[in-house]
Amino acid sequence: MERTKTGVNEASPGEIANEAGNLKYTDAFECKPMGYSLSPPPSMGRIVTYNTTKEDREFMGSSASQLPAIIVSVEEKGINLQVFMEGPGTLWKTSIKTGNEEGQWQWPVRI
């Protein structure tokens, strides 16, 4: 969907107002001004947020639904992560896809 900005601050929630005017976006989580994604491609060493599964929480003895993780490799099937647990221990996850569901990763929210 394309929109043209006709004044200041006319972008709806999930859009980005810019001086160029034409906005392209998919939803509130992934805005695409001028056809470019705001999310960088995953690469080794980047910090992401991992959405834990019920099995992960039982293994860790924690109720944390999200934990920070570092990308250790990028594969065709998904990314491999080392998840930073609360306390001692290591949680390794392989072939993880991006998304908002349990067992998926996403970029951390910037504040």
PDB file of N, CA and C in Angstrom:
ATOM      1  N   MET A   1       0.844  -1.162   0.000  1.00  0.00           N
ATOM      2  CA  MET A   1       0.000   0.000   0.000  1.00  0.00           C
ATOM      3  C   MET A   1       0.896   1.234   0.000  1.00  0.00           C
ATOM      4  N   GLU A   2       0.580   2.227  -0.796  1.00  0.00           N
ATOM      5  CA  GLU A   2       1.334   3.470  -0.823  1.00  0.00           C
ATOM      6  C   GLU A   2       0.491   4.604  -0.275  1.00  0.00           C
ATOM      7  N   ARG A   3       1.151   5.502   0.439  1.00  0.00           N
ATOM      8  CA  ARG A   3       0.484   6.699   0.927  1.00  0.00           C
ATOM      9  C   ARG A   3       1.381   7.882   0.653  1.00  0.00           C
ATOM     10  N   THR A   4       0.791   9.010   0.477  1.00  0.00           N
ATOM     11  CA  THR A   4       1.554  10.227   0.273  1.00  0.00           C
ATOM     12  C   THR A   4       1.328  11.151   1.444  1.00  0.00           C
ATOM     13  N   LYS A   5       2.403  11.630   2.029  1.00  0.00           N
ATOM     14  CA  LYS A   5       2.310  12.536   3.169  1.00  0.00           C
ATOM     15  C   LYS A   5       1.989  13.931   2.672  1.00  0.00           C
ATOM     16  N   THR A   6       0.947  14.527   3.231  1.00  0.00           N
ATOM     17  CA  THR A   6       0.564  15.875   2.810  1.00  0.00           C
ATOM     18  C   THR A   6       0.842  16.911   3.882  1.00  0.00           C
ATOM     19  N   GLY A   7       1.253  16.495   5.046  1.00  0.00           N
ATOM     20  CA  GLY A   7       1.550  17.429   6.131  1.00  0.00           C
ATOM     21  C   GLY A   7       2.416  16.760   7.172  1.00  0.00           C
ATOM     22  N   VAL A   8       2.768  17.454   8.193  1.00  0.00           N
ATOM     23  CA  VAL A   8       3.648  16.935   9.234  1.00  0.00           C
ATOM     24  C   VAL A   8       2.868  15.993  10.147  1.00  0.00           C
ATOM     25  N   ASN A   9       3.520  14.902  10.566  1.00  0.00           N
ATOM     26  CA  ASN A   9       2.976  13.937  11.517  1.00  0.00           C
ATOM     27  C   ASN A   9       1.656  13.311  11.066  1.00  0.00           C
ATOM     28  N   GLU A  10       1.534  12.981   9.797  1.00  0.00           N
ATOM     29  CA  GLU A  10       0.311  12.352   9.325  1.00  0.00           C
ATOM     30  C   GLU A  10       0.432  10.844   9.204  1.00  0.00           C
ATOM     31  N   ALA A  11       1.544  10.273   9.648  1.00  0.00           N
ATOM     32  CA  ALA A  11       1.699   8.826   9.578  1.00  0.00           C
ATOM     33  C   ALA A  11       0.855   8.166  10.660  1.00  0.00           C
ATOM     34  N   SER A  12       0.212   7.066  10.300  1.00  0.00           N
ATOM     35  CA  SER A  12      -0.576   6.291  11.249  1.00  0.00           C
ATOM     36  C   SER A  12       0.367   5.453  12.099  1.00  0.00           C
ATOM     37  N   PRO A  13      -0.129   4.874  13.221  1.00  0.00           N
ATOM     38  CA  PRO A  13       0.717   3.965  13.996  1.00  0.00           C
ATOM     39  C   PRO A  13       1.243   2.855  13.103  1.00  0.00           C
ATOM     40  N   GLY A  14       2.520   2.528  13.233  1.00  0.00           N
ATOM     41  CA  GLY A  14       3.130   1.502  12.406  1.00  0.00           C
ATOM     42  C   GLY A  14       3.756   2.037  11.141  1.00  0.00           C
ATOM     43  N   GLU A  15       3.585   3.305  10.861  1.00  0.00           N
ATOM     44  CA  GLU A  15       4.198   3.927   9.692  1.00  0.00           C
ATOM     45  C   GLU A  15       5.313   4.848  10.148  1.00  0.00           C
ATOM     46  N   ILE A  16       6.133   5.221   9.223  1.00  0.00           N
ATOM     47  CA  ILE A  16       7.203   6.161   9.514  1.00  0.00           C
ATOM     48  C   ILE A  16       6.995   7.398   8.660  1.00  0.00           C
ATOM     49  N   ALA A  17       6.889   8.533   9.314  1.00  0.00           N
ATOM     50  CA  ALA A  17       6.758   9.788   8.578  1.00  0.00           C
ATOM     51  C   ALA A  17       8.150  10.232   8.154  1.00  0.00           C
ATOM     52  N   ASN A  18       8.336  10.488   6.887  1.00  0.00           N
ATOM     53  CA  ASN A  18       9.620  10.999   6.426  1.00  0.00           C
ATOM     54  C   ASN A  18       9.368  12.117   5.426  1.00  0.00           C
ATOM     55  N   GLU A  19      10.414  12.818   5.085  1.00  0.00           N
ATOM     56  CA  GLU A  19      10.272  13.969   4.203  1.00  0.00           C
ATOM     57  C   GLU A  19      10.056  13.571   2.744  1.00  0.00           C
ATOM     58  N   ALA A  20      10.377  12.319   2.396  1.00  0.00           N
ATOM     59  CA  ALA A  20      10.224  11.889   1.009  1.00  0.00           C
ATOM     60  C   ALA A  20       8.756  11.744   0.627  1.00  0.00           C
ATOM     61  N   GLY A  21       7.907  11.409   1.583  1.00  0.00           N
ATOM     62  CA  GLY A  21       6.479  11.358   1.303  1.00  0.00           C
ATOM     63  C   GLY A  21       5.929   9.971   1.095  1.00  0.00           C
ATOM     64  N   ASN A  22       6.316   9.258   0.047  1.00  0.00           N
ATOM     65  CA  ASN A  22       5.723   7.957  -0.233  1.00  0.00           C
ATOM     66  C   ASN A  22       6.163   6.934   0.797  1.00  0.00           C
ATOM     67  N   LEU A  23       5.186   6.263   1.400  1.00  0.00           N
ATOM     68  CA  LEU A  23       5.468   5.269   2.430  1.00  0.00           C
ATOM     69  C   LEU A  23       4.997   3.906   1.965  1.00  0.00           C
ATOM     70  N   LYS A  24       5.818   2.895   2.177  1.00  0.00           N
ATOM     71  CA  LYS A  24       5.407   1.524   1.949  1.00  0.00           C
ATOM     72  C   LYS A  24       5.612   0.787   3.264  1.00  0.00           C
ATOM     73  N   TYR A  25       4.621   0.002   3.677  1.00  0.00           N
ATOM     74  CA  TYR A  25       4.762  -0.720   4.925  1.00  0.00           C
ATOM     75  C   TYR A  25       3.958  -2.008   4.852  1.00  0.00           C
ATOM     76  N   THR A  26       4.328  -2.968   5.703  1.00  0.00           N
ATOM     77  CA  THR A  26       3.595  -4.222   5.745  1.00  0.00           C
ATOM     78  C   THR A  26       2.718  -4.296   6.983  1.00  0.00           C
ATOM     79  N   ASP A  27       3.235  -3.935   8.147  1.00  0.00           N
ATOM     80  CA  ASP A  27       2.427  -3.905   9.361  1.00  0.00           C
ATOM     81  C   ASP A  27       3.163  -3.084  10.407  1.00  0.00           C
ATOM     82  N   ALA A  28       2.656  -3.046  11.635  1.00  0.00           N
ATOM     83  CA  ALA A  28       3.234  -2.217  12.680  1.00  0.00           C
ATOM     84  C   ALA A  28       4.616  -2.691  13.096  1.00  0.00           C
ATOM     85  N   PHE A  29       4.971  -3.943  12.780  1.00  0.00           N
ATOM     86  CA  PHE A  29       6.248  -4.473  13.211  1.00  0.00           C
ATOM     87  C   PHE A  29       7.347  -4.329  12.162  1.00  0.00           C
ATOM     88  N   GLU A  30       6.981  -4.248  10.904  1.00  0.00           N
ATOM     89  CA  GLU A  30       7.988  -4.164   9.846  1.00  0.00           C
ATOM     90  C   GLU A  30       7.588  -3.078   8.863  1.00  0.00           C
ATOM     91  N   CYS A  31       8.014  -1.872   9.123  1.00  0.00           N
ATOM     92  CA  CYS A  31       7.737  -0.753   8.221  1.00  0.00           C
ATOM     93  C   CYS A  31       8.760  -0.769   7.101  1.00  0.00           C
ATOM     94  N   LYS A  32       8.343  -0.424   5.905  1.00  0.00           N
ATOM     95  CA  LYS A  32       9.254  -0.395   4.768  1.00  0.00           C
ATOM     96  C   LYS A  32       9.142   0.943   4.054  1.00  0.00           C
ATOM     97  N   PRO A  33       9.769   2.007   4.596  1.00  0.00           N
ATOM     98  CA  PRO A  33       9.723   3.274   3.874  1.00  0.00           C
ATOM     99  C   PRO A  33      10.533   3.172   2.589  1.00  0.00           C
ATOM    100  N   MET A  34       9.974   3.661   1.517  1.00  0.00           N
ATOM    101  CA  MET A  34      10.663   3.709   0.227  1.00  0.00           C
ATOM    102  C   MET A  34      11.063   2.319  -0.270  1.00  0.00           C
ATOM    103  N   GLY A  35      10.403   1.250   0.221  1.00  0.00           N
ATOM    104  CA  GLY A  35      10.669  -0.091  -0.265  1.00  0.00           C
ATOM    105  C   GLY A  35      11.820  -0.803   0.409  1.00  0.00           C
ATOM    106  N   TYR A  36      12.469  -0.219   1.411  1.00  0.00           N
ATOM    107  CA  TYR A  36      13.583  -0.853   2.094  1.00  0.00           C
ATOM    108  C   TYR A  36      13.152  -1.314   3.478  1.00  0.00           C
ATOM    109  N   SER A  37      13.553  -2.509   3.864  1.00  0.00           N
ATOM    110  CA  SER A  37      13.229  -3.034   5.185  1.00  0.00           C
ATOM    111  C   SER A  37      14.079  -2.334   6.240  1.00  0.00           C
ATOM    112  N   LEU A  38      13.469  -2.075   7.396  1.00  0.00           N
ATOM    113  CA  LEU A  38      14.215  -1.486   8.505  1.00  0.00           C
ATOM    114  C   LEU A  38      15.012  -2.536   9.269  1.00  0.00           C
ATOM    115  N   SER A  39      14.679  -3.804   9.085  1.00  0.00           N
ATOM    116  CA  SER A  39      15.365  -4.878   9.792  1.00  0.00           C
ATOM    117  C   SER A  39      16.567  -5.341   8.992  1.00  0.00           C
ATOM    118  N   PRO A  40      17.745  -5.361   9.625  1.00  0.00           N
ATOM    119  CA  PRO A  40      18.922  -5.876   8.915  1.00  0.00           C
ATOM    120  C   PRO A  40      18.838  -7.396   8.806  1.00  0.00           C
ATOM    121  N   PRO A  41      19.547  -7.981   7.860  1.00  0.00           N
ATOM    122  CA  PRO A  41      19.564  -9.443   7.788  1.00  0.00           C
ATOM    123  C   PRO A  41      20.317  -9.998   8.993  1.00  0.00           C
ATOM    124  N   PRO A  42      19.947 -11.182   9.468  1.00  0.00           N
ATOM    125  CA  PRO A  42      20.676 -11.751  10.609  1.00  0.00           C
ATOM    126  C   PRO A  42      22.109 -12.068  10.219  1.00  0.00           C
ATOM    127  N   SER A  43      23.032 -11.863  11.145  1.00  0.00           N
ATOM    128  CA  SER A  43      24.435 -12.191  10.908  1.00  0.00           C
ATOM    129  C   SER A  43      25.087 -12.610  12.220  1.00  0.00           C
ATOM    130  N   MET A  44      26.172 -13.367  12.111  1.00  0.00           N
ATOM    131  CA  MET A  44      26.873 -13.896  13.267  1.00  0.00           C
ATOM    132  C   MET A  44      27.285 -12.763  14.218  1.00  0.00           C
ATOM    133  N   GLY A  45      27.048 -12.981  15.517  1.00  0.00           N
ATOM    134  CA  GLY A  45      27.450 -12.024  16.535  1.00  0.00           C
ATOM    135  C   GLY A  45      26.375 -11.031  16.938  1.00  0.00           C
ATOM    136  N   ARG A  46      25.257 -10.981  16.216  1.00  0.00           N
ATOM    137  CA  ARG A  46      24.175 -10.040  16.533  1.00  0.00           C
ATOM    138  C   ARG A  46      23.356 -10.556  17.718  1.00  0.00           C
ATOM    139  N   ILE A  47      22.892  -9.647  18.546  1.00  0.00           N
ATOM    140  CA  ILE A  47      22.028  -9.979  19.677  1.00  0.00           C
ATOM    141  C   ILE A  47      20.577  -9.944  19.213  1.00  0.00           C
ATOM    142  N   VAL A  48      19.817 -10.978  19.564  1.00  0.00           N
ATOM    143  CA  VAL A  48      18.397 -11.069  19.231  1.00  0.00           C
ATOM    144  C   VAL A  48      17.624 -11.460  20.492  1.00  0.00           C
ATOM    145  N   THR A  49      16.310 -11.470  20.390  1.00  0.00           N
ATOM    146  CA  THR A  49      15.448 -11.940  21.475  1.00  0.00           C
ATOM    147  C   THR A  49      14.890 -13.290  21.071  1.00  0.00           C
ATOM    148  N   TYR A  50      15.033 -14.282  21.952  1.00  0.00           N
ATOM    149  CA  TYR A  50      14.504 -15.617  21.706  1.00  0.00           C
ATOM    150  C   TYR A  50      13.235 -15.805  22.532  1.00  0.00           C
ATOM    151  N   ASN A  51      12.152 -16.232  21.886  1.00  0.00           N
ATOM    152  CA  ASN A  51      10.881 -16.507  22.560  1.00  0.00           C
ATOM    153  C   ASN A  51      10.891 -17.957  23.035  1.00  0.00           C
ATOM    154  N   THR A  52      11.021 -18.160  24.334  1.00  0.00           N
ATOM    155  CA  THR A  52      11.182 -19.503  24.883  1.00  0.00           C
ATOM    156  C   THR A  52       9.928 -20.348  24.720  1.00  0.00           C
ATOM    157  N   THR A  53      10.134 -21.660  24.665  1.00  0.00           N
ATOM    158  CA  THR A  53       9.030 -22.620  24.610  1.00  0.00           C
ATOM    159  C   THR A  53       8.764 -23.147  26.019  1.00  0.00           C
ATOM    160  N   LYS A  54       7.673 -23.858  26.180  1.00  0.00           N
ATOM    161  CA  LYS A  54       7.352 -24.467  27.475  1.00  0.00           C
ATOM    162  C   LYS A  54       8.483 -25.404  27.905  1.00  0.00           C
ATOM    163  N   GLU A  55       9.014 -26.184  26.960  1.00  0.00           N
ATOM    164  CA  GLU A  55      10.105 -27.109  27.250  1.00  0.00           C
ATOM    165  C   GLU A  55      11.365 -26.356  27.687  1.00  0.00           C
ATOM    166  N   ASP A  56      11.650 -25.222  27.040  1.00  0.00           N
ATOM    167  CA  ASP A  56      12.810 -24.399  27.428  1.00  0.00           C
ATOM    168  C   ASP A  56      12.653 -23.918  28.865  1.00  0.00           C
ATOM    169  N   ARG A  57      11.458 -23.415  29.201  1.00  0.00           N
ATOM    170  CA  ARG A  57      11.215 -22.874  30.543  1.00  0.00           C
ATOM    171  C   ARG A  57      11.339 -23.972  31.602  1.00  0.00           C
ATOM    172  N   GLU A  58      10.852 -25.186  31.290  1.00  0.00           N
ATOM    173  CA  GLU A  58      10.990 -26.305  32.223  1.00  0.00           C
ATOM    174  C   GLU A  58      12.460 -26.682  32.392  1.00  0.00           C
ATOM    175  N   PHE A  59      13.221 -26.721  31.293  1.00  0.00           N
ATOM    176  CA  PHE A  59      14.649 -27.047  31.347  1.00  0.00           C
ATOM    177  C   PHE A  59      15.415 -26.041  32.194  1.00  0.00           C
ATOM    178  N   MET A  60      15.083 -24.761  32.033  1.00  0.00           N
ATOM    179  CA  MET A  60      15.793 -23.693  32.745  1.00  0.00           C
ATOM    180  C   MET A  60      15.288 -23.509  34.170  1.00  0.00           C
ATOM    181  N   GLY A  61      14.089 -24.004  34.459  1.00  0.00           N
ATOM    182  CA  GLY A  61      13.491 -23.746  35.766  1.00  0.00           C
ATOM    183  C   GLY A  61      13.132 -22.278  35.908  1.00  0.00           C
ATOM    184  N   SER A  62      12.668 -21.679  34.821  1.00  0.00           N
ATOM    185  CA  SER A  62      12.365 -20.253  34.779  1.00  0.00           C
ATOM    186  C   SER A  62      11.041 -20.029  34.079  1.00  0.00           C
ATOM    187  N   SER A  63      10.425 -18.895  34.363  1.00  0.00           N
ATOM    188  CA  SER A  63       9.178 -18.554  33.685  1.00  0.00           C
ATOM    189  C   SER A  63       9.383 -17.489  32.617  1.00  0.00           C
ATOM    190  N   ALA A  64      10.647 -17.154  32.305  1.00  0.00           N
ATOM    191  CA  ALA A  64      10.948 -16.101  31.324  1.00  0.00           C
ATOM    192  C   ALA A  64      10.448 -16.501  29.940  1.00  0.00           C
ATOM    193  N   SER A  65       9.589 -15.662  29.355  1.00  0.00           N
ATOM    194  CA  SER A  65       9.052 -15.964  28.026  1.00  0.00           C
ATOM    195  C   SER A  65       9.961 -15.472  26.907  1.00  0.00           C
ATOM    196  N   GLN A  66      10.859 -14.526  27.222  1.00  0.00           N
ATOM    197  CA  GLN A  66      11.837 -14.029  26.252  1.00  0.00           C
ATOM    198  C   GLN A  66      13.191 -13.898  26.938  1.00  0.00           C
ATOM    199  N   LEU A  67      14.229 -14.244  26.188  1.00  0.00           N
ATOM    200  CA  LEU A  67      15.600 -14.111  26.690  1.00  0.00           C
ATOM    201  C   LEU A  67      16.498 -13.602  25.576  1.00  0.00           C
ATOM    202  N   PRO A  68      17.574 -12.897  25.943  1.00  0.00           N
ATOM    203  CA  PRO A  68      18.527 -12.468  24.919  1.00  0.00           C
ATOM    204  C   PRO A  68      19.339 -13.663  24.421  1.00  0.00           C
ATOM    205  N   ALA A  69      19.751 -13.575  23.170  1.00  0.00           N
ATOM    206  CA  ALA A  69      20.567 -14.637  22.572  1.00  0.00           C
ATOM    207  C   ALA A  69      21.509 -14.008  21.565  1.00  0.00           C
ATOM    208  N   ILE A  70      22.570 -14.737  21.253  1.00  0.00           N
ATOM    209  CA  ILE A  70      23.517 -14.282  20.236  1.00  0.00           C
ATOM    210  C   ILE A  70      23.469 -15.260  19.060  1.00  0.00           C
ATOM    211  N   ILE A  71      23.506 -14.714  17.852  1.00  0.00           N
ATOM    212  CA  ILE A  71      23.516 -15.548  16.653  1.00  0.00           C
ATOM    213  C   ILE A  71      24.912 -16.126  16.492  1.00  0.00           C
ATOM    214  N   VAL A  72      25.008 -17.466  16.463  1.00  0.00           N
ATOM    215  CA  VAL A  72      26.310 -18.105  16.276  1.00  0.00           C
ATOM    216  C   VAL A  72      26.533 -18.545  14.837  1.00  0.00           C
ATOM    217  N   SER A  73      25.451 -18.757  14.080  1.00  0.00           N
ATOM    218  CA  SER A  73      25.583 -19.035  12.650  1.00  0.00           C
ATOM    219  C   SER A  73      24.242 -18.830  11.967  1.00  0.00           C
ATOM    220  N   VAL A  74      24.323 -18.553  10.677  1.00  0.00           N
ATOM    221  CA  VAL A  74      23.128 -18.356   9.853  1.00  0.00           C
ATOM    222  C   VAL A  74      23.120 -19.456   8.799  1.00  0.00           C
ATOM    223  N   GLU A  75      22.054 -20.234   8.785  1.00  0.00           N
ATOM    224  CA  GLU A  75      21.917 -21.358   7.863  1.00  0.00           C
ATOM    225  C   GLU A  75      20.669 -21.148   7.005  1.00  0.00           C
ATOM    226  N   GLU A  76      20.516 -21.946   5.956  1.00  0.00           N
ATOM    227  CA  GLU A  76      19.324 -21.856   5.111  1.00  0.00           C
ATOM    228  C   GLU A  76      18.062 -22.190   5.884  1.00  0.00           C
ATOM    229  N   LYS A  77      18.158 -23.125   6.850  1.00  0.00           N
ATOM    230  CA  LYS A  77      16.995 -23.572   7.612  1.00  0.00           C
ATOM    231  C   LYS A  77      16.606 -22.593   8.718  1.00  0.00           C
ATOM    232  N   GLY A  78      17.470 -21.652   9.054  1.00  0.00           N
ATOM    233  CA  GLY A  78      17.230 -20.706  10.148  1.00  0.00           C
ATOM    234  C   GLY A  78      18.549 -20.319  10.778  1.00  0.00           C
ATOM    235  N   ILE A  79      18.478 -19.708  11.954  1.00  0.00           N
ATOM    236  CA  ILE A  79      19.714 -19.313  12.625  1.00  0.00           C
ATOM    237  C   ILE A  79      19.954 -20.202  13.836  1.00  0.00           C
ATOM    238  N   ASN A  80      21.227 -20.318  14.217  1.00  0.00           N
ATOM    239  CA  ASN A  80      21.605 -21.048  15.414  1.00  0.00           C
ATOM    240  C   ASN A  80      21.950 -20.033  16.487  1.00  0.00           C
ATOM    241  N   LEU A  81      21.441 -20.282  17.708  1.00  0.00           N
ATOM    242  CA  LEU A  81      21.566 -19.321  18.800  1.00  0.00           C
ATOM    243  C   LEU A  81      22.201 -19.935  20.035  1.00  0.00           C
ATOM    244  N   GLN A  82      22.905 -19.098  20.796  1.00  0.00           N
ATOM    245  CA  GLN A  82      23.239 -19.410  22.174  1.00  0.00           C
ATOM    246  C   GLN A  82      22.407 -18.453  23.015  1.00  0.00           C
ATOM    247  N   VAL A  83      21.499 -19.009  23.798  1.00  0.00           N
ATOM    248  CA  VAL A  83      20.569 -18.214  24.589  1.00  0.00           C
ATOM    249  C   VAL A  83      21.190 -17.935  25.950  1.00  0.00           C
ATOM    250  N   PHE A  84      21.126 -16.684  26.383  1.00  0.00           N
ATOM    251  CA  PHE A  84      21.642 -16.290  27.692  1.00  0.00           C
ATOM    252  C   PHE A  84      20.578 -16.577  28.741  1.00  0.00           C
ATOM    253  N   MET A  85      20.828 -17.604  29.547  1.00  0.00           N
ATOM    254  CA  MET A  85      19.873 -18.001  30.573  1.00  0.00           C
ATOM    255  C   MET A  85      20.056 -17.158  31.830  1.00  0.00           C
ATOM    256  N   GLU A  86      19.012 -17.122  32.640  1.00  0.00           N
ATOM    257  CA  GLU A  86      19.107 -16.474  33.940  1.00  0.00           C
ATOM    258  C   GLU A  86      19.823 -17.446  34.876  1.00  0.00           C
ATOM    259  N   GLY A  87      21.058 -17.144  35.253  1.00  0.00           N
ATOM    260  CA  GLY A  87      21.841 -18.042  36.090  1.00  0.00           C
ATOM    261  C   GLY A  87      22.777 -18.892  35.262  1.00  0.00           C
ATOM    262  N   PRO A  88      23.385 -19.920  35.882  1.00  0.00           N
ATOM    263  CA  PRO A  88      24.358 -20.750  35.163  1.00  0.00           C
ATOM    264  C   PRO A  88      23.669 -21.652  34.143  1.00  0.00           C
ATOM    265  N   GLY A  89      24.439 -22.074  33.173  1.00  0.00           N
ATOM    266  CA  GLY A  89      23.920 -22.988  32.162  1.00  0.00           C
ATOM    267  C   GLY A  89      23.938 -22.358  30.785  1.00  0.00           C
ATOM    268  N   THR A  90      23.778 -23.207  29.793  1.00  0.00           N
ATOM    269  CA  THR A  90      23.779 -22.766  28.407  1.00  0.00           C
ATOM    270  C   THR A  90      22.617 -23.418  27.688  1.00  0.00           C
ATOM    271  N   LEU A  91      21.949 -22.654  26.871  1.00  0.00           N
ATOM    272  CA  LEU A  91      20.855 -23.168  26.052  1.00  0.00           C
ATOM    273  C   LEU A  91      21.208 -22.885  24.598  1.00  0.00           C
ATOM    274  N   TRP A  92      21.373 -23.947  23.819  1.00  0.00           N
ATOM    275  CA  TRP A  92      21.677 -23.820  22.396  1.00  0.00           C
ATOM    276  C   TRP A  92      20.421 -24.158  21.605  1.00  0.00           C
ATOM    277  N   LYS A  93      20.102 -23.346  20.610  1.00  0.00           N
ATOM    278  CA  LYS A  93      18.937 -23.584  19.762  1.00  0.00           C
ATOM    279  C   LYS A  93      19.394 -23.555  18.305  1.00  0.00           C
ATOM    280  N   THR A  94      18.914 -24.503  17.508  1.00  0.00           N
ATOM    281  CA  THR A  94      19.338 -24.591  16.107  1.00  0.00           C
ATOM    282  C   THR A  94      18.150 -24.459  15.163  1.00  0.00           C
ATOM    283  N   SER A  95      18.436 -23.954  13.978  1.00  0.00           N
ATOM    284  CA  SER A  95      17.452 -23.810  12.895  1.00  0.00           C
ATOM    285  C   SER A  95      16.209 -23.046  13.346  1.00  0.00           C
ATOM    286  N   ILE A  96      16.421 -21.906  14.005  1.00  0.00           N
ATOM    287  CA  ILE A  96      15.329 -21.106  14.551  1.00  0.00           C
ATOM    288  C   ILE A  96      14.883 -20.086  13.500  1.00  0.00           C
ATOM    289  N   LYS A  97      13.586 -20.014  13.289  1.00  0.00           N
ATOM    290  CA  LYS A  97      12.991 -19.062  12.338  1.00  0.00           C
ATOM    291  C   LYS A  97      12.616 -17.776  13.051  1.00  0.00           C
ATOM    292  N   THR A  98      12.487 -16.700  12.298  1.00  0.00           N
ATOM    293  CA  THR A  98      12.075 -15.422  12.866  1.00  0.00           C
ATOM    294  C   THR A  98      10.561 -15.376  13.027  1.00  0.00           C
ATOM    295  N   GLY A  99      10.092 -14.698  14.072  1.00  0.00           N
ATOM    296  CA  GLY A  99       8.658 -14.561  14.306  1.00  0.00           C
ATOM    297  C   GLY A  99       8.366 -14.195  15.744  1.00  0.00           C
ATOM    298  N   ASN A 100       7.096 -14.098  16.064  1.00  0.00           N
ATOM    299  CA  ASN A 100       6.664 -13.717  17.411  1.00  0.00           C
ATOM    300  C   ASN A 100       6.152 -14.884  18.230  1.00  0.00           C
ATOM    301  N   GLU A 101       6.203 -16.086  17.693  1.00  0.00           N
ATOM    302  CA  GLU A 101       5.685 -17.267  18.383  1.00  0.00           C
ATOM    303  C   GLU A 101       6.773 -17.906  19.244  1.00  0.00           C
ATOM    304  N   GLU A 102       6.354 -18.820  20.141  1.00  0.00           N
ATOM    305  CA  GLU A 102       7.313 -19.555  20.946  1.00  0.00           C
ATOM    306  C   GLU A 102       8.286 -20.309  20.045  1.00  0.00           C
ATOM    307  N   GLY A 103       9.550 -20.358  20.456  1.00  0.00           N
ATOM    308  CA  GLY A 103      10.557 -21.070  19.682  1.00  0.00           C
ATOM    309  C   GLY A 103      11.076 -20.299  18.486  1.00  0.00           C
ATOM    310  N   GLN A 104      10.754 -19.017  18.388  1.00  0.00           N
ATOM    311  CA  GLN A 104      11.222 -18.182  17.286  1.00  0.00           C
ATOM    312  C   GLN A 104      12.022 -17.001  17.842  1.00  0.00           C
ATOM    313  N   TRP A 105      12.753 -16.331  16.960  1.00  0.00           N
ATOM    314  CA  TRP A 105      13.545 -15.177  17.383  1.00  0.00           C
ATOM    315  C   TRP A 105      13.002 -13.920  16.729  1.00  0.00           C
ATOM    316  N   GLN A 106      13.377 -12.776  17.318  1.00  0.00           N
ATOM    317  CA  GLN A 106      13.031 -11.480  16.737  1.00  0.00           C
ATOM    318  C   GLN A 106      14.088 -10.467  17.152  1.00  0.00           C
ATOM    319  N   TRP A 107      14.131  -9.352  16.440  1.00  0.00           N
ATOM    320  CA  TRP A 107      15.052  -8.287  16.814  1.00  0.00           C
ATOM    321  C   TRP A 107      14.548  -7.649  18.096  1.00  0.00           C
ATOM    322  N   PRO A 108      15.452  -7.269  19.012  1.00  0.00           N
ATOM    323  CA  PRO A 108      15.011  -6.588  20.239  1.00  0.00           C
ATOM    324  C   PRO A 108      14.303  -5.286  19.922  1.00  0.00           C
ATOM    325  N   VAL A 109      13.351  -4.946  20.753  1.00  0.00           N
ATOM    326  CA  VAL A 109      12.624  -3.685  20.597  1.00  0.00           C
ATOM    327  C   VAL A 109      13.555  -2.554  21.020  1.00  0.00           C
ATOM    328  N   ARG A 110      13.652  -1.531  20.199  1.00  0.00           N
ATOM    329  CA  ARG A 110      14.473  -0.374  20.537  1.00  0.00           C
ATOM    330  C   ARG A 110      13.614   0.646  21.266  1.00  0.00           C
ATOM    331  N   ILE A 111      14.152   1.161  22.338  1.00  0.00           N
ATOM    332  CA  ILE A 111      13.418   2.134  23.143  1.00  0.00           C
ATOM    333  C   ILE A 111      14.053   3.505  22.987  1.00  0.00           C
TER     334      ILE A 111
END
